[in-house]
């Protein structure tokens, strides 16, 4: 149930087309549906503006399909699934129309909306090896209604590549900076723009990078103001936060 559904329900009550008791019963049934292996949160869109996102890792394709069926029956037309393998995506595509991004391991049941944020979200990516995390972020943003600008392979080892894109960075609503190794990109980007920067450390790097821990600590210790940090390889989390910032003041 979304805000429109609630307003329609309240309107029916106010116009005496529905009793208060019947409306209360509908709302009582809405918060979640227990299907045994999962409790599907059918009120997520009402509370947060977007439906529950399915984390695909550890779930079978059949479980994901059953969750999607329940969400669809509750009125959710766009369902995002993260950490979705190609094998599971192939099974799900037999049941639903699925747009799948194999590099980002993420899929969307439904159609991407027309972007309606206050501006553009720039994704600045240090190296080609970081692109899978970036694609998860970019696909998430597009599924949530934000316009995305991708700046790939602009790491600090060749900083002239980043500086050639400075206009995009300086006019962004939010910047997501994605980097492994030492994670220096976030601090450099943070020193160039006047908008929030969300840093994503990746697990890319040699042994002393400790699977992204080195980049994570570097980003947490950034001297640039306005930089926040999400967990290692968490492109989805960065994108969700960036989309919320990009929709402040926008009626969804």
Protein backbone atom coordinates (compact mmCIF):
# COMPACT_ATOMS: atom_id res chain seq x y z
CA UNK A 1 0.00 0.00 0.00
CA UNK A 2 1.34 3.45 -0.96
CA UNK A 3 0.31 6.99 -0.02
CA UNK A 4 -2.21 7.17 -2.87
CA UNK A 5 -3.95 4.01 -1.67
CA UNK A 6 -4.17 5.37 1.87
CA UNK A 7 -5.61 8.67 0.64
CA UNK A 8 -8.20 6.80 -1.45
CA UNK A 9 -9.14 4.71 1.57
CA UNK A 10 -9.53 7.77 3.79
CA UNK A 11 -11.56 9.53 1.12
CA UNK A 12 -13.98 6.61 0.96
CA UNK A 13 -14.41 6.80 4.72
CA UNK A 14 -14.95 10.57 4.67
CA UNK A 15 -17.52 10.23 1.88
CA UNK A 16 -19.23 7.38 3.76
CA UNK A 17 -18.50 4.88 0.98
CA UNK A 18 -16.72 2.69 3.53
CA UNK A 19 -17.15 2.22 7.25
CA UNK A 20 -14.43 3.11 9.72
CA UNK A 21 -14.37 -0.53 10.84
CA UNK A 22 -13.81 -1.85 7.29
CA UNK A 23 -11.02 0.66 6.68
CA UNK A 24 -9.35 -0.25 9.98
CA UNK A 25 -9.50 -3.93 9.03
CA UNK A 26 -7.74 -3.24 5.72
CA UNK A 27 -4.99 -1.30 7.46
CA UNK A 28 -4.56 -3.99 10.11
CA UNK A 29 -3.96 -6.57 7.40
CA UNK A 30 -1.36 -4.43 5.64
CA UNK A 31 1.84 -4.26 7.78
CA UNK A 32 3.34 -7.60 6.71
CA UNK A 33 2.44 -10.99 5.35
CA UNK A 34 3.99 -14.09 6.91
CA UNK A 35 4.82 -16.70 4.27
CA UNK A 36 6.83 -18.98 6.56
CA UNK A 37 10.38 -18.35 5.38
CA UNK A 38 9.86 -14.56 5.17
CA UNK A 39 7.65 -11.80 6.54
CA UNK A 40 6.97 -9.54 3.57
CA UNK A 41 6.83 -5.88 4.60
CA UNK A 42 3.90 -4.52 2.62
CA UNK A 43 3.99 -1.15 4.44
CA UNK A 44 7.56 -0.28 3.44
CA UNK A 45 6.52 1.98 0.55
CA UNK A 46 4.08 3.85 2.77
CA UNK A 47 6.76 4.48 5.41
CA UNK A 48 9.82 5.07 3.26
CA UNK A 49 8.57 5.93 -0.21
CA UNK A 50 9.84 2.75 -1.88
CA UNK A 51 8.90 -0.89 -1.59
CA UNK A 52 10.96 -3.47 0.30
CA UNK A 53 14.16 -4.40 -1.56
CA UNK A 54 14.91 -8.13 -1.78
CA UNK A 55 18.43 -9.28 -0.89
CA UNK A 56 18.93 -12.20 -3.25
CA UNK A 57 22.04 -13.84 -1.79
CA UNK A 58 21.18 -16.87 0.32
CA UNK A 59 17.64 -17.09 -1.06
CA UNK A 60 16.59 -19.61 -3.69
CA UNK A 61 15.01 -18.43 -6.92
CA UNK A 62 11.75 -20.02 -5.78
CA UNK A 63 11.79 -18.08 -2.51
CA UNK A 64 12.46 -14.83 -4.34
CA UNK A 65 9.59 -15.54 -6.75
CA UNK A 66 7.19 -16.20 -3.87
CA UNK A 67 8.19 -12.96 -2.13
CA UNK A 68 7.73 -11.06 -5.41
CA UNK A 69 4.27 -12.55 -5.86
CA UNK A 70 3.20 -11.35 -2.42
CA UNK A 71 4.63 -7.90 -3.03
CA UNK A 72 2.92 -7.66 -6.41
CA UNK A 73 -0.42 -8.73 -4.91
CA UNK A 74 -0.02 -5.93 -2.35
CA UNK A 75 0.35 -3.38 -5.16
CA UNK A 76 4.11 -3.10 -5.51
CA UNK A 77 4.76 -2.61 -9.23
CA UNK A 78 8.54 -2.08 -9.05
CA UNK A 79 10.54 -4.66 -7.09
CA UNK A 80 14.32 -4.38 -6.77
CA UNK A 81 16.45 -7.48 -6.13
CA UNK A 82 20.12 -7.11 -5.14
CA UNK A 83 22.93 -9.69 -5.10
CA UNK A 84 21.06 -11.66 -7.74
CA UNK A 85 23.06 -14.27 -9.63
CA UNK A 86 22.56 -14.86 -13.35
CA UNK A 87 21.29 -18.38 -12.63
CA UNK A 88 18.55 -17.11 -10.31
CA UNK A 89 17.71 -14.28 -12.69
CA UNK A 90 17.12 -16.77 -15.50
CA UNK A 91 14.58 -18.62 -13.35
CA UNK A 92 12.82 -15.45 -12.21
CA UNK A 93 12.55 -14.20 -15.80
CA UNK A 94 10.23 -17.13 -16.52
CA UNK A 95 7.73 -15.72 -14.00
CA UNK A 96 8.18 -11.93 -14.23
CA UNK A 97 9.42 -9.28 -16.61
CA UNK A 98 12.90 -8.69 -15.19
CA UNK A 99 15.47 -6.11 -16.21
CA UNK A 100 18.80 -7.58 -15.14
CA UNK A 101 22.24 -6.02 -14.81
CA UNK A 102 24.65 -8.93 -14.74
CA UNK A 103 27.75 -6.91 -13.84
CA UNK A 104 26.00 -5.31 -10.86
CA UNK A 105 24.15 -8.54 -9.97
CA UNK A 106 20.92 -6.61 -9.58
CA UNK A 107 17.50 -6.80 -11.18
CA UNK A 108 14.22 -4.92 -11.34
CA UNK A 109 10.76 -6.35 -11.81
CA UNK A 110 8.78 -3.56 -13.43
CA UNK A 111 9.85 -0.42 -15.26
CA UNK A 112 12.41 2.18 -14.27
CA UNK A 113 10.61 5.46 -13.52
CA UNK A 114 11.28 8.76 -15.22
CA UNK A 115 13.98 10.54 -13.14
CA UNK A 116 12.39 13.13 -10.85
CA UNK A 117 15.14 14.06 -8.39
CA UNK A 118 16.37 17.58 -7.77
CA UNK A 119 19.53 16.97 -9.78
CA UNK A 120 22.02 14.39 -10.99
CA UNK A 121 23.85 11.80 -8.93
CA UNK A 122 27.43 11.42 -10.12
CA UNK A 123 29.16 8.07 -9.62
CA UNK A 124 32.94 8.55 -9.67
CA UNK A 125 34.78 5.24 -9.90
CA UNK A 126 38.50 4.85 -9.32
CA UNK A 127 39.20 1.87 -11.58
CA UNK A 128 37.60 -0.56 -13.98
CA UNK A 129 37.81 -3.29 -11.33
CA UNK A 130 35.40 -1.25 -9.18
CA UNK A 131 32.70 -1.12 -11.85
CA UNK A 132 30.60 -4.05 -10.52
CA UNK A 133 29.97 -2.10 -7.29
CA UNK A 134 29.31 1.04 -9.34
CA UNK A 135 26.79 -0.73 -11.56
CA UNK A 136 24.89 -1.95 -8.50
CA UNK A 137 24.74 1.68 -7.35
CA UNK A 138 23.80 3.10 -10.75
CA UNK A 139 21.05 0.55 -11.37
CA UNK A 140 19.63 1.16 -7.90
CA UNK A 141 19.52 4.91 -8.46
CA UNK A 142 17.80 4.52 -11.81
CA UNK A 143 15.25 2.11 -10.32
CA UNK A 144 14.49 4.65 -7.57
CA UNK A 145 14.07 7.61 -9.93
CA UNK A 146 17.42 9.44 -9.94
CA UNK A 147 19.37 10.53 -12.99
CA UNK A 148 22.89 9.08 -13.02
CA UNK A 149 26.16 10.31 -14.50
CA UNK A 150 28.86 7.62 -14.65
CA UNK A 151 32.51 8.67 -14.42
CA UNK A 152 34.52 5.45 -14.73
CA UNK A 153 38.27 4.95 -14.32
CA UNK A 154 39.02 8.36 -12.79
CA UNK A 155 41.26 7.26 -9.91
CA UNK A 156 43.93 9.43 -8.31
CA UNK A 157 46.81 7.51 -9.91
CA UNK A 158 46.01 9.57 -13.00
CA UNK A 159 44.28 12.55 -11.42
CA UNK A 160 44.08 14.46 -14.72
CA UNK A 161 41.33 11.99 -15.70
CA UNK A 162 39.24 13.11 -12.73
CA UNK A 163 39.96 16.80 -13.28
CA UNK A 164 38.69 16.53 -16.85
CA UNK A 165 35.26 15.73 -15.34
CA UNK A 166 35.26 18.48 -12.75
CA UNK A 167 32.18 20.22 -14.23
CA UNK A 168 30.06 17.11 -13.64
CA UNK A 169 31.34 16.82 -10.07
CA UNK A 170 30.77 20.47 -9.23
CA UNK A 171 27.18 20.50 -10.51
CA UNK A 172 26.08 17.20 -8.94
CA UNK A 173 23.34 16.88 -6.35
CA UNK A 174 25.24 14.02 -4.71
CA UNK A 175 28.50 12.25 -5.58
CA UNK A 176 29.18 8.59 -4.89
CA UNK A 177 32.94 7.95 -4.83
CA UNK A 178 33.88 4.31 -5.28
CA UNK A 179 37.44 3.07 -4.81
CA UNK A 180 39.54 0.18 -3.57
CA UNK A 181 43.29 0.11 -2.93
CA UNK A 182 43.96 3.07 -0.59
CA UNK A 183 40.55 4.70 -1.22
CA UNK A 184 41.94 8.20 -1.78
CA UNK A 185 39.35 9.15 -4.41
CA UNK A 186 36.72 10.10 -1.82
CA UNK A 187 38.89 12.77 -0.20
CA UNK A 188 39.86 14.30 -3.55
CA UNK A 189 36.25 14.42 -4.72
CA UNK A 190 35.18 15.80 -1.35
CA UNK A 191 37.58 18.69 -1.84
CA UNK A 192 36.13 19.58 -5.24
CA UNK A 193 32.37 19.75 -4.71
CA UNK A 194 29.81 21.48 -2.48
CA UNK A 195 27.39 18.54 -2.25
CA UNK A 196 27.32 15.42 -0.05
CA UNK A 197 29.86 12.74 -0.99
CA UNK A 198 29.09 9.12 -0.19
CA UNK A 199 32.22 6.98 -0.20
CA UNK A 200 32.14 3.28 -1.03
CA UNK A 201 35.29 1.26 -0.28
CA UNK A 202 35.68 -1.82 -2.45
CA UNK A 203 37.47 -5.09 -1.84
CA UNK A 204 39.77 -4.45 -4.80
CA UNK A 205 43.49 -4.41 -3.99
CA UNK A 206 46.56 -6.41 -3.01
CA UNK A 207 47.10 -8.17 0.32
CA UNK A 208 47.65 -5.11 2.51
CA UNK A 209 44.29 -3.73 1.39
CA UNK A 210 42.72 -6.48 3.57
CA UNK A 211 39.77 -6.98 1.20
CA UNK A 212 38.70 -3.35 1.42
CA UNK A 213 39.44 -2.62 5.06
CA UNK A 214 42.31 -0.30 4.16
CA UNK A 215 40.09 1.75 1.84
CA UNK A 216 37.32 1.78 4.45
CA UNK A 217 39.63 3.21 7.12
CA UNK A 218 41.08 5.77 4.70
CA UNK A 219 37.61 6.99 3.80
CA UNK A 220 36.52 7.13 7.46
CA UNK A 221 39.61 9.24 8.16
CA UNK A 222 38.98 11.61 5.25
CA UNK A 223 39.97 15.21 5.92
CA UNK A 224 37.37 16.45 3.41
CA UNK A 225 34.18 17.77 5.00
CA UNK A 226 30.89 16.32 3.86
CA UNK A 227 32.11 12.78 3.20
CA UNK A 228 30.11 9.89 4.64
CA UNK A 229 31.05 6.22 4.26
CA UNK A 230 29.09 3.01 3.73
CA UNK A 231 30.29 -0.56 4.11
CA UNK A 232 32.73 -2.36 1.82
CA UNK A 233 31.25 -3.09 -1.64
CA UNK A 234 27.87 -1.66 -0.58
CA UNK A 235 26.90 0.08 -3.81
CA UNK A 236 23.21 -0.42 -3.02
CA UNK A 237 23.44 1.29 0.37
CA UNK A 238 25.26 4.29 -1.08
CA UNK A 239 22.74 4.60 -3.88
CA UNK A 240 19.72 4.39 -1.58
CA UNK A 241 21.12 7.17 0.62
CA UNK A 242 22.06 9.29 -2.41
CA UNK A 243 18.56 8.89 -3.84
CA UNK A 244 16.99 10.04 -0.57
CA UNK A 245 19.18 13.17 -0.63
CA UNK A 246 18.36 13.75 -4.29
CA UNK A 247 14.63 13.63 -3.54
CA UNK A 248 14.50 15.95 -0.53
CA UNK A 249 11.56 18.24 -1.15
CA UNK A 250 10.25 16.14 -4.05
CA UNK A 251 6.78 14.61 -3.75
CA UNK A 252 7.11 10.87 -4.42
